[in-house]
Amino acid sequence: MLEYLYDTQLLIEGKELDEDEIRDYFIENFKGDCLLAVGDDELIKIHFHTNEPWKVLEYCSTLGEIYDIVIENMERQSKGLKG
């Protein structure tokens, strides 16, 4: 059984984005692991394992336009099913 079920990935396009601030916000406010928040001040790639992907989407949408959103159920994937 996985502790965090959903692999959540997306891009944030905006202005004056700060990957360190975004990473810190995730660490302080969300439960999960495998956090990746990389990019520059106009585009950030997010990768995060969590049980509450909707909270990630809600927060990221406050930072700019979000797109290329992928949320996959890793437990289903481990069973060979579509995520």
PDB file of N, CA and C in Angstrom:
ATOM      1  N   MET A   1       0.846  -1.186   0.000  1.00  0.00           N
ATOM      2  CA  MET A   1       0.000   0.000   0.000  1.00  0.00           C
ATOM      3  C   MET A   1       0.885   1.241   0.000  1.00  0.00           C
ATOM      4  N   LEU A   2       0.616   2.132  -0.897  1.00  0.00           N
ATOM      5  CA  LEU A   2       1.371   3.374  -0.997  1.00  0.00           C
ATOM      6  C   LEU A   2       0.875   4.381   0.037  1.00  0.00           C
ATOM      7  N   GLU A   3       1.799   5.125   0.623  1.00  0.00           N
ATOM      8  CA  GLU A   3       1.404   6.164   1.571  1.00  0.00           C
ATOM      9  C   GLU A   3       0.720   7.322   0.846  1.00  0.00           C
ATOM     10  N   TYR A   4       1.254   7.693  -0.322  1.00  0.00           N
ATOM     11  CA  TYR A   4       0.684   8.780  -1.121  1.00  0.00           C
ATOM     12  C   TYR A   4       0.287   8.221  -2.478  1.00  0.00           C
ATOM     13  N   LEU A   5      -0.982   8.309  -2.781  1.00  0.00           N
ATOM     14  CA  LEU A   5      -1.575   7.593  -3.905  1.00  0.00           C
ATOM     15  C   LEU A   5      -1.421   8.280  -5.259  1.00  0.00           C
ATOM     16  N   TYR A   6      -1.458   9.608  -5.284  1.00  0.00           N
ATOM     17  CA  TYR A   6      -1.542  10.325  -6.556  1.00  0.00           C
ATOM     18  C   TYR A   6      -0.245  11.022  -6.947  1.00  0.00           C
ATOM     19  N   ASP A   7       0.233  10.690  -8.120  1.00  0.00           N
ATOM     20  CA  ASP A   7       1.358  11.377  -8.739  1.00  0.00           C
ATOM     21  C   ASP A   7       0.761  12.583  -9.453  1.00  0.00           C
ATOM     22  N   THR A   8       1.091  13.775  -8.968  1.00  0.00           N
ATOM     23  CA  THR A   8       0.495  15.012  -9.460  1.00  0.00           C
ATOM     24  C   THR A   8       1.569  15.834 -10.160  1.00  0.00           C
ATOM     25  N   GLN A   9       1.330  16.161 -11.425  1.00  0.00           N
ATOM     26  CA  GLN A   9       2.299  16.924 -12.213  1.00  0.00           C
ATOM     27  C   GLN A   9       1.586  18.037 -12.962  1.00  0.00           C
ATOM     28  N   LEU A  10       2.249  19.178 -13.081  1.00  0.00           N
ATOM     29  CA  LEU A  10       1.682  20.291 -13.826  1.00  0.00           C
ATOM     30  C   LEU A  10       2.738  21.353 -14.082  1.00  0.00           C
ATOM     31  N   LEU A  11       2.391  22.268 -14.953  1.00  0.00           N
ATOM     32  CA  LEU A  11       3.217  23.444 -15.212  1.00  0.00           C
ATOM     33  C   LEU A  11       2.464  24.670 -14.742  1.00  0.00           C
ATOM     34  N   ILE A  12       3.210  25.632 -14.195  1.00  0.00           N
ATOM     35  CA  ILE A  12       2.658  26.927 -13.806  1.00  0.00           C
ATOM     36  C   ILE A  12       3.354  27.985 -14.647  1.00  0.00           C
ATOM     37  N   GLU A  13       2.572  28.763 -15.371  1.00  0.00           N
ATOM     38  CA  GLU A  13       3.120  29.877 -16.135  1.00  0.00           C
ATOM     39  C   GLU A  13       2.651  31.167 -15.472  1.00  0.00           C
ATOM     40  N   GLY A  14       3.594  32.041 -15.158  1.00  0.00           N
ATOM     41  CA  GLY A  14       3.233  33.270 -14.484  1.00  0.00           C
ATOM     42  C   GLY A  14       4.355  34.287 -14.543  1.00  0.00           C
ATOM     43  N   LYS A  15       4.317  35.206 -13.604  1.00  0.00           N
ATOM     44  CA  LYS A  15       5.342  36.245 -13.518  1.00  0.00           C
ATOM     45  C   LYS A  15       5.908  36.258 -12.117  1.00  0.00           C
ATOM     46  N   GLU A  16       7.201  36.448 -12.032  1.00  0.00           N
ATOM     47  CA  GLU A  16       7.906  36.525 -10.754  1.00  0.00           C
ATOM     48  C   GLU A  16       7.670  35.286  -9.890  1.00  0.00           C
ATOM     49  N   LEU A  17       7.638  34.115 -10.524  1.00  0.00           N
ATOM     50  CA  LEU A  17       7.514  32.860  -9.784  1.00  0.00           C
ATOM     51  C   LEU A  17       8.830  32.567  -9.076  1.00  0.00           C
ATOM     52  N   ASP A  18       8.754  31.987  -7.909  1.00  0.00           N
ATOM     53  CA  ASP A  18       9.947  31.677  -7.123  1.00  0.00           C
ATOM     54  C   ASP A  18       9.883  30.208  -6.707  1.00  0.00           C
ATOM     55  N   GLU A  19      10.706  29.382  -7.320  1.00  0.00           N
ATOM     56  CA  GLU A  19      10.644  27.944  -7.044  1.00  0.00           C
ATOM     57  C   GLU A  19      10.925  27.631  -5.581  1.00  0.00           C
ATOM     58  N   ASP A  20      11.795  28.393  -4.923  1.00  0.00           N
ATOM     59  CA  ASP A  20      12.083  28.150  -3.503  1.00  0.00           C
ATOM     60  C   ASP A  20      10.867  28.449  -2.635  1.00  0.00           C
ATOM     61  N   GLU A  21      10.173  29.546  -2.910  1.00  0.00           N
ATOM     62  CA  GLU A  21       8.960  29.876  -2.155  1.00  0.00           C
ATOM     63  C   GLU A  21       7.878  28.835  -2.374  1.00  0.00           C
ATOM     64  N   ILE A  22       7.726  28.396  -3.605  1.00  0.00           N
ATOM     65  CA  ILE A  22       6.727  27.376  -3.925  1.00  0.00           C
ATOM     66  C   ILE A  22       7.069  26.074  -3.209  1.00  0.00           C
ATOM     67  N   ARG A  23       8.320  25.659  -3.271  1.00  0.00           N
ATOM     68  CA  ARG A  23       8.765  24.433  -2.600  1.00  0.00           C
ATOM     69  C   ARG A  23       8.496  24.540  -1.093  1.00  0.00           C
ATOM     70  N   ASP A  24       8.850  25.681  -0.489  1.00  0.00           N
ATOM     71  CA  ASP A  24       8.626  25.876   0.947  1.00  0.00           C
ATOM     72  C   ASP A  24       7.144  25.799   1.294  1.00  0.00           C
ATOM     73  N   TYR A  25       6.292  26.382   0.446  1.00  0.00           N
ATOM     74  CA  TYR A  25       4.848  26.339   0.691  1.00  0.00           C
ATOM     75  C   TYR A  25       4.356  24.886   0.688  1.00  0.00           C
ATOM     76  N   PHE A  26       4.812  24.116  -0.280  1.00  0.00           N
ATOM     77  CA  PHE A  26       4.422  22.702  -0.337  1.00  0.00           C
ATOM     78  C   PHE A  26       4.828  21.979   0.939  1.00  0.00           C
ATOM     79  N   ILE A  27       6.062  22.145   1.347  1.00  0.00           N
ATOM     80  CA  ILE A  27       6.587  21.452   2.526  1.00  0.00           C
ATOM     81  C   ILE A  27       5.802  21.826   3.781  1.00  0.00           C
ATOM     82  N   GLU A  28       5.435  23.094   3.904  1.00  0.00           N
ATOM     83  CA  GLU A  28       4.746  23.579   5.095  1.00  0.00           C
ATOM     84  C   GLU A  28       3.247  23.282   5.099  1.00  0.00           C
ATOM     85  N   ASN A  29       2.647  23.102   3.928  1.00  0.00           N
ATOM     86  CA  ASN A  29       1.186  23.032   3.864  1.00  0.00           C
ATOM     87  C   ASN A  29       0.581  21.746   3.323  1.00  0.00           C
ATOM     88  N   PHE A  30       1.372  20.917   2.653  1.00  0.00           N
ATOM     89  CA  PHE A  30       0.824  19.705   2.053  1.00  0.00           C
ATOM     90  C   PHE A  30       1.532  18.465   2.592  1.00  0.00           C
ATOM     91  N   LYS A  31       0.770  17.389   2.702  1.00  0.00           N
ATOM     92  CA  LYS A  31       1.353  16.093   3.031  1.00  0.00           C
ATOM     93  C   LYS A  31       1.664  15.382   1.728  1.00  0.00           C
ATOM     94  N   GLY A  32       2.900  14.878   1.619  1.00  0.00           N
ATOM     95  CA  GLY A  32       3.291  14.177   0.407  1.00  0.00           C
ATOM     96  C   GLY A  32       4.782  13.955   0.364  1.00  0.00           C
ATOM     97  N   ASP A  33       5.260  13.469  -0.779  1.00  0.00           N
ATOM     98  CA  ASP A  33       6.695  13.252  -0.951  1.00  0.00           C
ATOM     99  C   ASP A  33       7.070  13.386  -2.420  1.00  0.00           C
ATOM    100  N   CYS A  34       8.331  13.189  -2.706  1.00  0.00           N
ATOM    101  CA  CYS A  34       8.871  13.253  -4.065  1.00  0.00           C
ATOM    102  C   CYS A  34       8.610  14.611  -4.725  1.00  0.00           C
ATOM    103  N   LEU A  35       8.765  15.680  -3.960  1.00  0.00           N
ATOM    104  CA  LEU A  35       8.502  17.017  -4.472  1.00  0.00           C
ATOM    105  C   LEU A  35       9.584  17.481  -5.427  1.00  0.00           C
ATOM    106  N   LEU A  36       9.141  17.991  -6.556  1.00  0.00           N
ATOM    107  CA  LEU A  36      10.011  18.650  -7.522  1.00  0.00           C
ATOM    108  C   LEU A  36       9.320  19.947  -7.914  1.00  0.00           C
ATOM    109  N   ALA A  37       9.998  21.070  -7.700  1.00  0.00           N
ATOM    110  CA  ALA A  37       9.496  22.382  -8.119  1.00  0.00           C
ATOM    111  C   ALA A  37      10.674  23.104  -8.747  1.00  0.00           C
ATOM    112  N   VAL A  38      10.748  23.053 -10.068  1.00  0.00           N
ATOM    113  CA  VAL A  38      11.900  23.617 -10.768  1.00  0.00           C
ATOM    114  C   VAL A  38      11.448  24.491 -11.933  1.00  0.00           C
ATOM    115  N   GLY A  39      12.274  25.462 -12.246  1.00  0.00           N
ATOM    116  CA  GLY A  39      11.990  26.319 -13.382  1.00  0.00           C
ATOM    117  C   GLY A  39      12.631  27.679 -13.209  1.00  0.00           C
ATOM    118  N   ASP A  40      11.927  28.689 -13.716  1.00  0.00           N
ATOM    119  CA  ASP A  40      12.435  30.057 -13.617  1.00  0.00           C
ATOM    120  C   ASP A  40      11.291  30.966 -13.174  1.00  0.00           C
ATOM    121  N   ASP A  41      11.467  32.256 -13.322  1.00  0.00           N
ATOM    122  CA  ASP A  41      10.454  33.185 -12.805  1.00  0.00           C
ATOM    123  C   ASP A  41       9.190  33.258 -13.660  1.00  0.00           C
ATOM    124  N   GLU A  42       9.159  32.535 -14.790  1.00  0.00           N
ATOM    125  CA  GLU A  42       7.968  32.536 -15.648  1.00  0.00           C
ATOM    126  C   GLU A  42       7.331  31.163 -15.848  1.00  0.00           C
ATOM    127  N   LEU A  43       8.064  30.087 -15.535  1.00  0.00           N
ATOM    128  CA  LEU A  43       7.548  28.736 -15.743  1.00  0.00           C
ATOM    129  C   LEU A  43       8.126  27.790 -14.691  1.00  0.00           C
ATOM    130  N   ILE A  44       7.241  27.116 -13.965  1.00  0.00           N
ATOM    131  CA  ILE A  44       7.646  26.158 -12.936  1.00  0.00           C
ATOM    132  C   ILE A  44       6.998  24.808 -13.235  1.00  0.00           C
ATOM    133  N   LYS A  45       7.794  23.755 -13.149  1.00  0.00           N
ATOM    134  CA  LYS A  45       7.303  22.383 -13.262  1.00  0.00           C
ATOM    135  C   LYS A  45       7.120  21.838 -11.848  1.00  0.00           C
ATOM    136  N   ILE A  46       5.946  21.282 -11.584  1.00  0.00           N
ATOM    137  CA  ILE A  46       5.644  20.666 -10.295  1.00  0.00           C
ATOM    138  C   ILE A  46       5.465  19.173 -10.486  1.00  0.00           C
ATOM    139  N   HIS A  47       6.069  18.411  -9.580  1.00  0.00           N
ATOM    140  CA  HIS A  47       5.862  16.969  -9.492  1.00  0.00           C
ATOM    141  C   HIS A  47       5.750  16.669  -8.005  1.00  0.00           C
ATOM    142  N   PHE A  48       4.669  15.977  -7.586  1.00  0.00           N
ATOM    143  CA  PHE A  48       4.434  15.759  -6.160  1.00  0.00           C
ATOM    144  C   PHE A  48       3.532  14.552  -5.987  1.00  0.00           C
ATOM    145  N   HIS A  49       3.857  13.714  -5.001  1.00  0.00           N
ATOM    146  CA  HIS A  49       3.009  12.581  -4.640  1.00  0.00           C
ATOM    147  C   HIS A  49       2.201  12.978  -3.410  1.00  0.00           C
ATOM    148  N   THR A  50       0.876  12.854  -3.494  1.00  0.00           N
ATOM    149  CA  THR A  50      -0.014  13.292  -2.417  1.00  0.00           C
ATOM    150  C   THR A  50      -1.318  12.508  -2.458  1.00  0.00           C
ATOM    151  N   ASN A  51      -2.080  12.605  -1.388  1.00  0.00           N
ATOM    152  CA  ASN A  51      -3.427  12.040  -1.381  1.00  0.00           C
ATOM    153  C   ASN A  51      -4.485  13.106  -1.650  1.00  0.00           C
ATOM    154  N   GLU A  52      -4.048  14.356  -1.783  1.00  0.00           N
ATOM    155  CA  GLU A  52      -4.974  15.470  -1.978  1.00  0.00           C
ATOM    156  C   GLU A  52      -4.538  16.355  -3.152  1.00  0.00           C
ATOM    157  N   PRO A  53      -4.580  15.810  -4.364  1.00  0.00           N
ATOM    158  CA  PRO A  53      -4.097  16.580  -5.511  1.00  0.00           C
ATOM    159  C   PRO A  53      -4.895  17.854  -5.766  1.00  0.00           C
ATOM    160  N   TRP A  54      -6.154  17.875  -5.372  1.00  0.00           N
ATOM    161  CA  TRP A  54      -6.982  19.071  -5.581  1.00  0.00           C
ATOM    162  C   TRP A  54      -6.427  20.271  -4.824  1.00  0.00           C
ATOM    163  N   LYS A  55      -5.785  20.048  -3.668  1.00  0.00           N
ATOM    164  CA  LYS A  55      -5.178  21.153  -2.916  1.00  0.00           C
ATOM    165  C   LYS A  55      -3.980  21.720  -3.676  1.00  0.00           C
ATOM    166  N   VAL A  56      -3.218  20.850  -4.318  1.00  0.00           N
ATOM    167  CA  VAL A  56      -2.082  21.286  -5.128  1.00  0.00           C
ATOM    168  C   VAL A  56      -2.577  22.151  -6.281  1.00  0.00           C
ATOM    169  N   LEU A  57      -3.609  21.691  -6.979  1.00  0.00           N
ATOM    170  CA  LEU A  57      -4.155  22.449  -8.102  1.00  0.00           C
ATOM    171  C   LEU A  57      -4.699  23.800  -7.648  1.00  0.00           C
ATOM    172  N   GLU A  58      -5.394  23.805  -6.532  1.00  0.00           N
ATOM    173  CA  GLU A  58      -5.966  25.050  -6.021  1.00  0.00           C
ATOM    174  C   GLU A  58      -4.864  26.067  -5.711  1.00  0.00           C
ATOM    175  N   TYR A  59      -3.820  25.639  -5.005  1.00  0.00           N
ATOM    176  CA  TYR A  59      -2.723  26.550  -4.676  1.00  0.00           C
ATOM    177  C   TYR A  59      -2.004  27.035  -5.938  1.00  0.00           C
ATOM    178  N   CYS A  60      -1.643  26.109  -6.799  1.00  0.00           N
ATOM    179  CA  CYS A  60      -0.877  26.473  -7.993  1.00  0.00           C
ATOM    180  C   CYS A  60      -1.653  27.422  -8.897  1.00  0.00           C
ATOM    181  N   SER A  61      -2.963  27.286  -8.929  1.00  0.00           N
ATOM    182  CA  SER A  61      -3.767  28.173  -9.771  1.00  0.00           C
ATOM    183  C   SER A  61      -3.758  29.612  -9.255  1.00  0.00           C
ATOM    184  N   THR A  62      -3.380  29.821  -8.002  1.00  0.00           N
ATOM    185  CA  THR A  62      -3.264  31.185  -7.474  1.00  0.00           C
ATOM    186  C   THR A  62      -1.967  31.855  -7.918  1.00  0.00           C
ATOM    187  N   LEU A  63      -1.043  31.063  -8.449  1.00  0.00           N
ATOM    188  CA  LEU A  63       0.278  31.584  -8.829  1.00  0.00           C
ATOM    189  C   LEU A  63       0.356  32.003 -10.290  1.00  0.00           C
ATOM    190  N   GLY A  64      -0.525  31.461 -11.104  1.00  0.00           N
ATOM    191  CA  GLY A  64      -0.501  31.734 -12.540  1.00  0.00           C
ATOM    192  C   GLY A  64      -1.387  30.745 -13.259  1.00  0.00           C
ATOM    193  N   GLU A  65      -1.201  30.656 -14.548  1.00  0.00           N
ATOM    194  CA  GLU A  65      -1.974  29.716 -15.362  1.00  0.00           C
ATOM    195  C   GLU A  65      -1.374  28.325 -15.205  1.00  0.00           C
ATOM    196  N   ILE A  66      -2.224  27.338 -14.916  1.00  0.00           N
ATOM    197  CA  ILE A  66      -1.736  25.963 -14.812  1.00  0.00           C
ATOM    198  C   ILE A  66      -2.187  25.183 -16.039  1.00  0.00           C
ATOM    199  N   TYR A  67      -1.315  24.282 -16.491  1.00  0.00           N
ATOM    200  CA  TYR A  67      -1.650  23.453 -17.651  1.00  0.00           C
ATOM    201  C   TYR A  67      -0.763  22.211 -17.658  1.00  0.00           C
ATOM    202  N   ASP A  68      -0.946  21.367 -18.646  1.00  0.00           N
ATOM    203  CA  ASP A  68      -0.287  20.054 -18.720  1.00  0.00           C
ATOM    204  C   ASP A  68      -0.445  19.309 -17.396  1.00  0.00           C
ATOM    205  N   ILE A  69      -1.672  19.299 -16.890  1.00  0.00           N
ATOM    206  CA  ILE A  69      -1.981  18.687 -15.600  1.00  0.00           C
ATOM    207  C   ILE A  69      -2.134  17.182 -15.785  1.00  0.00           C
ATOM    208  N   VAL A  70      -1.400  16.428 -14.965  1.00  0.00           N
ATOM    209  CA  VAL A  70      -1.491  14.969 -14.979  1.00  0.00           C
ATOM    210  C   VAL A  70      -1.614  14.509 -13.531  1.00  0.00           C
ATOM    211  N   ILE A  71      -2.682  13.759 -13.252  1.00  0.00           N
ATOM    212  CA  ILE A  71      -2.855  13.153 -11.934  1.00  0.00           C
ATOM    213  C   ILE A  71      -3.072  11.668 -12.171  1.00  0.00           C
ATOM    214  N   GLU A  72      -2.143  10.871 -11.657  1.00  0.00           N
ATOM    215  CA  GLU A  72      -2.215   9.426 -11.891  1.00  0.00           C
ATOM    216  C   GLU A  72      -2.263   8.676 -10.567  1.00  0.00           C
ATOM    217  N   ASN A  73      -3.101   7.669 -10.535  1.00  0.00           N
ATOM    218  CA  ASN A  73      -3.235   6.806  -9.374  1.00  0.00           C
ATOM    219  C   ASN A  73      -2.124   5.756  -9.444  1.00  0.00           C
ATOM    220  N   MET A  74      -1.126   5.898  -8.601  1.00  0.00           N
ATOM    221  CA  MET A  74       0.055   5.024  -8.676  1.00  0.00           C
ATOM    222  C   MET A  74      -0.251   3.601  -8.215  1.00  0.00           C
ATOM    223  N   GLU A  75      -1.251   3.406  -7.385  1.00  0.00           N
ATOM    224  CA  GLU A  75      -1.636   2.056  -6.969  1.00  0.00           C
ATOM    225  C   GLU A  75      -2.200   1.283  -8.149  1.00  0.00           C
ATOM    226  N   ARG A  76      -3.050   1.946  -8.936  1.00  0.00           N
ATOM    227  CA  ARG A  76      -3.588   1.299 -10.147  1.00  0.00           C
ATOM    228  C   ARG A  76      -2.462   0.977 -11.106  1.00  0.00           C
ATOM    229  N   GLN A  77      -1.534   1.913 -11.272  1.00  0.00           N
ATOM    230  CA  GLN A  77      -0.401   1.682 -12.183  1.00  0.00           C
ATOM    231  C   GLN A  77       0.412   0.469 -11.737  1.00  0.00           C
ATOM    232  N   SER A  78       0.624   0.330 -10.425  1.00  0.00           N
ATOM    233  CA  SER A  78       1.416  -0.802  -9.917  1.00  0.00           C
ATOM    234  C   SER A  78       0.743  -2.146 -10.196  1.00  0.00           C
ATOM    235  N   LYS A  79      -0.576  -2.126 -10.412  1.00  0.00           N
ATOM    236  CA  LYS A  79      -1.324  -3.340 -10.747  1.00  0.00           C
ATOM    237  C   LYS A  79      -1.445  -3.551 -12.243  1.00  0.00           C
ATOM    238  N   GLY A  80      -0.782  -2.673 -13.023  1.00  0.00           N
ATOM    239  CA  GLY A  80      -0.814  -2.791 -14.464  1.00  0.00           C
ATOM    240  C   GLY A  80      -2.065  -2.207 -15.100  1.00  0.00           C
ATOM    241  N   LEU A  81      -2.803  -1.417 -14.317  1.00  0.00           N
ATOM    242  CA  LEU A  81      -4.018  -0.780 -14.826  1.00  0.00           C
ATOM    243  C   LEU A  81      -3.708   0.638 -15.265  1.00  0.00           C
ATOM    244  N   LYS A  82      -4.595   1.219 -16.009  1.00  0.00           N
ATOM    245  CA  LYS A  82      -4.443   2.615 -16.410  1.00  0.00           C
ATOM    246  C   LYS A  82      -4.550   3.502 -15.176  1.00  0.00           C
ATOM    247  N   GLY A  83      -3.578   4.437 -15.025  1.00  0.00           N
ATOM    248  CA  GLY A  83      -3.492   5.278 -13.839  1.00  0.00           C
ATOM    249  C   GLY A  83      -4.510   6.338 -13.797  1.00  0.00           C
TER     250      GLY A  83
END
